[in-house]
Amino acid sequence: MSNFIPRPNTGTLWPNRKVSQNHPDVRGDVFLDRAFLEGLLRNTGDDLVKIQVSGWNKVLAGKECLSLQVSEPYVKPEEARPQHLSSVDESDVPF
């Protein structure tokens, strides 16, 4: 029995032994933290939940694989708008 303890929100894809053309090229598992998953479900208003997946080519136990990390989708912060310090009537400016 393996002593492997997965890290939350990670996974690994391993090359799959394809017997037919329809079989996947790689397969594996992803281990999601319950709080992470509940937060995703709570914060979406849709039936589909989007997650961000990042992957790194690695060699583990002498075999090539794709190491995965799952996170919430990146949301670009809104650019800060310049605030007007005062409302100056341009006709009052002497130049």
Protein backbone atom coordinates (compact mmCIF):
# COMPACT_ATOMS: atom_id res chain seq x y z
CA MET A 1 0.00 0.00 0.00
CA SER A 2 1.29 3.46 -0.93
CA ASN A 3 2.00 6.16 1.63
CA PHE A 4 1.25 8.85 -0.96
CA ILE A 5 -0.57 11.84 0.52
CA PRO A 6 -1.77 14.22 -2.21
CA ARG A 7 -1.45 17.97 -1.82
CA PRO A 8 -4.78 19.81 -2.06
CA ASN A 9 -5.79 21.14 -5.47
CA THR A 10 -3.12 19.24 -7.37
CA GLY A 11 -3.02 16.28 -9.69
CA THR A 12 -0.96 14.32 -12.16
CA LEU A 13 -1.58 13.13 -15.70
CA TRP A 14 0.33 10.03 -16.81
CA PRO A 15 0.73 8.61 -20.32
CA ASN A 16 -2.08 6.19 -21.04
CA ARG A 17 -1.55 2.84 -22.72
CA LYS A 18 -3.78 3.32 -25.74
CA VAL A 19 -5.44 0.15 -26.93
CA SER A 20 -7.64 1.97 -29.43
CA GLN A 21 -7.60 5.36 -31.15
CA ASN A 22 -10.46 6.57 -28.93
CA HIS A 23 -8.55 6.08 -25.66
CA PRO A 24 -7.09 9.21 -24.04
CA ASP A 25 -3.41 10.05 -24.47
CA VAL A 26 -3.02 10.80 -20.75
CA ARG A 27 -5.08 10.16 -17.64
CA GLY A 28 -4.81 10.74 -13.93
CA ASP A 29 -6.39 12.27 -10.86
CA VAL A 30 -6.94 15.71 -9.33
CA PHE A 31 -7.47 16.09 -5.58
CA LEU A 32 -9.64 19.10 -4.69
CA ASP A 33 -9.86 20.55 -1.19
CA ARG A 34 -13.48 20.53 0.03
CA ALA A 35 -13.37 24.21 1.12
CA PHE A 36 -11.92 25.23 -2.28
CA LEU A 37 -14.64 23.31 -4.10
CA GLU A 38 -17.43 24.67 -1.89
CA GLY A 39 -16.11 28.21 -2.41
CA LEU A 40 -16.14 27.80 -6.18
CA LEU A 41 -19.70 26.53 -6.10
CA ARG A 42 -20.81 29.30 -3.75
CA ASN A 43 -19.24 32.07 -5.86
CA THR A 44 -20.68 31.11 -9.22
CA GLY A 45 -24.12 31.88 -10.50
CA ASP A 46 -23.89 29.43 -13.38
CA ASP A 47 -24.36 25.70 -13.78
CA LEU A 48 -20.81 25.54 -15.16
CA VAL A 49 -17.91 26.21 -12.79
CA LYS A 50 -14.68 27.48 -14.33
CA ILE A 51 -11.35 26.55 -12.73
CA GLN A 52 -7.82 27.41 -13.80
CA VAL A 53 -5.46 24.51 -14.43
CA SER A 54 -1.68 24.92 -14.71
CA GLY A 55 0.65 22.10 -15.75
CA TRP A 56 4.35 21.32 -15.63
CA ASN A 57 6.19 18.57 -17.51
CA LYS A 58 8.03 16.47 -14.92
CA VAL A 59 9.69 13.12 -14.42
CA LEU A 60 8.40 11.27 -11.35
CA ALA A 61 9.48 7.77 -10.41
CA GLY A 62 11.40 7.66 -13.69
CA LYS A 63 8.27 8.33 -15.79
CA GLU A 64 7.31 11.47 -17.68
CA CYS A 65 4.08 13.08 -16.50
CA LEU A 66 2.21 16.35 -16.35
CA SER A 67 1.97 17.75 -12.82
CA LEU A 68 -1.18 19.85 -12.33
CA GLN A 69 -2.26 22.64 -10.01
CA VAL A 70 -5.86 23.85 -9.82
CA SER A 71 -6.85 27.35 -8.70
CA GLU A 72 -9.61 29.91 -9.01
CA PRO A 73 -9.63 31.63 -12.41
CA TYR A 74 -7.48 34.76 -12.62
CA VAL A 75 -9.54 37.94 -12.62
CA LYS A 76 -7.73 41.00 -13.91
CA PRO A 77 -8.04 43.81 -11.38
CA GLU A 78 -9.79 46.91 -12.65
CA GLU A 79 -7.38 49.66 -13.52
CA ALA A 80 -7.50 52.49 -11.01
CA ARG A 81 -9.16 55.54 -12.47
CA PRO A 82 -7.52 58.90 -11.75
CA GLN A 83 -9.49 60.91 -9.24
CA HIS A 84 -10.10 64.59 -9.77
CA LEU A 85 -8.59 66.50 -6.88
CA SER A 86 -10.87 69.47 -7.32
CA SER A 87 -13.29 70.78 -9.82
CA VAL A 88 -11.60 73.84 -11.28
CA ASP A 89 -13.37 76.04 -13.74
CA GLU A 90 -10.86 76.39 -16.59
CA SER A 91 -11.99 79.97 -17.20
CA ASP A 92 -10.47 80.87 -13.80
CA VAL A 93 -6.99 79.72 -14.89
CA PRO A 94 -4.92 82.83 -15.84
CA PHE A 95 -2.97 81.17 -18.66
